[in-house]
Amino acid sequence: VPEGGEAVARDAAGAVGGCDAVLASGMTLGNGTFGPLRALAAARGLPLVLFAQTGSAVLPRFVGAGVHAVCAEPYPFFWLDGGPGTLYRYGGLPGDGRYEGSGR
């Protein structure tokens, strides 16, 4: 049981029905759920936003093709040494079509 006592949904298709948006991790690439989740979000008109360590170089390529935005952290990850890390943000902003930026 997660912190706060919330239930864990084991069926993404069933859980997405009551959502305003979908936030998923890059692990969806490795476990085979990225394609179905992207299709489900698109079919329901929900924005799909991803945080990616896994797939950080791949998932930004899907922005505008079923993915609304990606926050990508390439290797080495911040937790390996406790030092600063780099995050890359990809996604659209009103008026400019596409945004790409980074921060430490």
Protein backbone atom coordinates (compact mmCIF):
# COMPACT_ATOMS: atom_id res chain seq x y z
CA VAL A 1 0.00 0.00 0.00
CA PRO A 2 1.55 3.33 -1.01
CA GLU A 3 1.98 6.28 1.33
CA GLY A 4 -1.39 7.82 2.09
CA GLY A 5 -3.21 4.50 1.82
CA GLU A 6 -4.26 4.96 -1.81
CA ALA A 7 -5.05 1.85 -3.78
CA VAL A 8 -2.66 0.63 -6.46
CA ALA A 9 -4.35 0.23 -9.84
CA ARG A 10 -3.08 -2.75 -11.78
CA ASP A 11 -5.08 -2.06 -14.94
CA ALA A 12 -4.06 1.20 -16.66
CA ALA A 13 -6.99 1.08 -19.08
CA GLY A 14 -9.45 0.94 -16.22
CA ALA A 15 -7.67 3.57 -14.14
CA VAL A 16 -7.29 6.12 -16.94
CA GLY A 17 -11.06 6.45 -17.28
CA GLY A 18 -11.30 8.88 -14.37
CA CYS A 19 -8.19 10.92 -15.19
CA ASP A 20 -7.69 14.40 -16.65
CA ALA A 21 -4.15 13.52 -17.81
CA VAL A 22 -1.72 10.60 -17.80
CA LEU A 23 1.70 10.84 -16.11
CA ALA A 24 3.90 7.82 -16.75
CA SER A 25 7.54 6.83 -16.43
CA GLY A 26 10.00 5.80 -19.10
CA MET A 27 9.77 2.26 -17.73
CA THR A 28 6.68 1.89 -19.90
CA LEU A 29 9.13 1.35 -22.79
CA GLY A 30 10.72 -1.60 -21.03
CA ASN A 31 7.56 -3.28 -19.80
CA GLY A 32 5.63 -3.06 -23.07
CA THR A 33 2.92 -0.67 -21.91
CA PHE A 34 4.04 2.53 -23.69
CA GLY A 35 2.25 1.83 -26.99
CA PRO A 36 -1.07 0.80 -25.44
CA LEU A 37 -0.95 3.67 -22.93
CA ARG A 38 -0.18 6.21 -25.66
CA ALA A 39 -3.06 4.87 -27.78
CA LEU A 40 -5.44 4.93 -24.81
CA ALA A 41 -4.53 8.52 -23.89
CA ALA A 42 -4.98 9.61 -27.51
CA ALA A 43 -8.33 7.83 -27.84
CA ARG A 44 -9.63 9.60 -24.72
CA GLY A 45 -8.11 12.99 -25.60
CA LEU A 46 -5.87 13.00 -22.52
CA PRO A 47 -2.44 14.63 -22.44
CA LEU A 48 0.34 12.07 -21.91
CA VAL A 49 3.35 13.39 -19.97
CA LEU A 50 6.41 11.24 -19.27
CA PHE A 51 9.30 11.37 -16.80
CA ALA A 52 12.12 9.38 -18.29
CA GLN A 53 15.39 8.05 -17.06
CA THR A 54 14.76 4.89 -19.01
CA GLY A 55 14.20 6.03 -22.58
CA SER A 56 15.39 9.60 -21.97
CA ALA A 57 16.89 9.76 -25.48
CA VAL A 58 13.93 8.03 -27.17
CA LEU A 59 10.72 9.39 -25.62
CA PRO A 60 11.25 13.06 -26.61
CA ARG A 61 10.92 11.90 -30.23
CA PHE A 62 7.25 11.13 -29.52
CA VAL A 63 6.36 14.72 -28.54
CA GLY A 64 3.60 15.73 -30.94
CA ALA A 65 2.88 12.09 -31.79
CA GLY A 66 0.72 11.10 -28.85
CA VAL A 67 3.02 12.52 -26.16
CA HIS A 68 2.39 16.02 -24.82
CA ALA A 69 5.62 16.54 -22.85
CA VAL A 70 8.69 14.72 -21.54
CA CYS A 71 11.00 15.46 -18.63
CA ALA A 72 14.16 13.46 -19.39
CA GLU A 73 17.11 12.77 -17.12
CA PRO A 74 20.01 11.17 -18.98
CA TYR A 75 22.62 8.99 -17.29
CA PRO A 76 24.30 9.53 -14.82
CA PHE A 77 21.21 9.94 -12.69
CA PHE A 78 21.18 12.36 -9.75
CA TRP A 79 20.81 9.61 -7.18
CA LEU A 80 24.04 7.83 -8.15
CA ASP A 81 26.33 10.30 -6.40
CA GLY A 82 23.98 12.80 -4.78
CA GLY A 83 25.39 15.61 -6.91
CA PRO A 84 23.63 17.89 -9.35
CA GLY A 85 21.85 16.36 -12.30
CA THR A 86 20.53 17.61 -15.59
CA LEU A 87 16.89 17.52 -16.67
CA TYR A 88 15.74 18.15 -20.22
CA ARG A 89 12.18 19.30 -20.77
CA TYR A 90 10.42 18.74 -24.08
CA GLY A 91 6.92 19.79 -24.95
CA GLY A 92 4.74 22.40 -26.57
CA LEU A 93 4.06 25.86 -25.27
CA PRO A 94 1.22 28.00 -26.58
CA GLY A 95 2.31 29.99 -29.60
CA ASP A 96 5.68 28.44 -30.33
CA GLY A 97 4.90 24.87 -31.30
CA ARG A 98 7.70 23.11 -29.40
CA TYR A 99 9.84 23.86 -26.38
CA GLU A 100 13.16 22.28 -25.49
CA GLY A 101 15.18 23.31 -22.49
CA SER A 102 17.44 22.04 -19.75
CA GLY A 103 18.26 22.86 -16.19
CA ARG A 104 20.51 21.74 -13.40
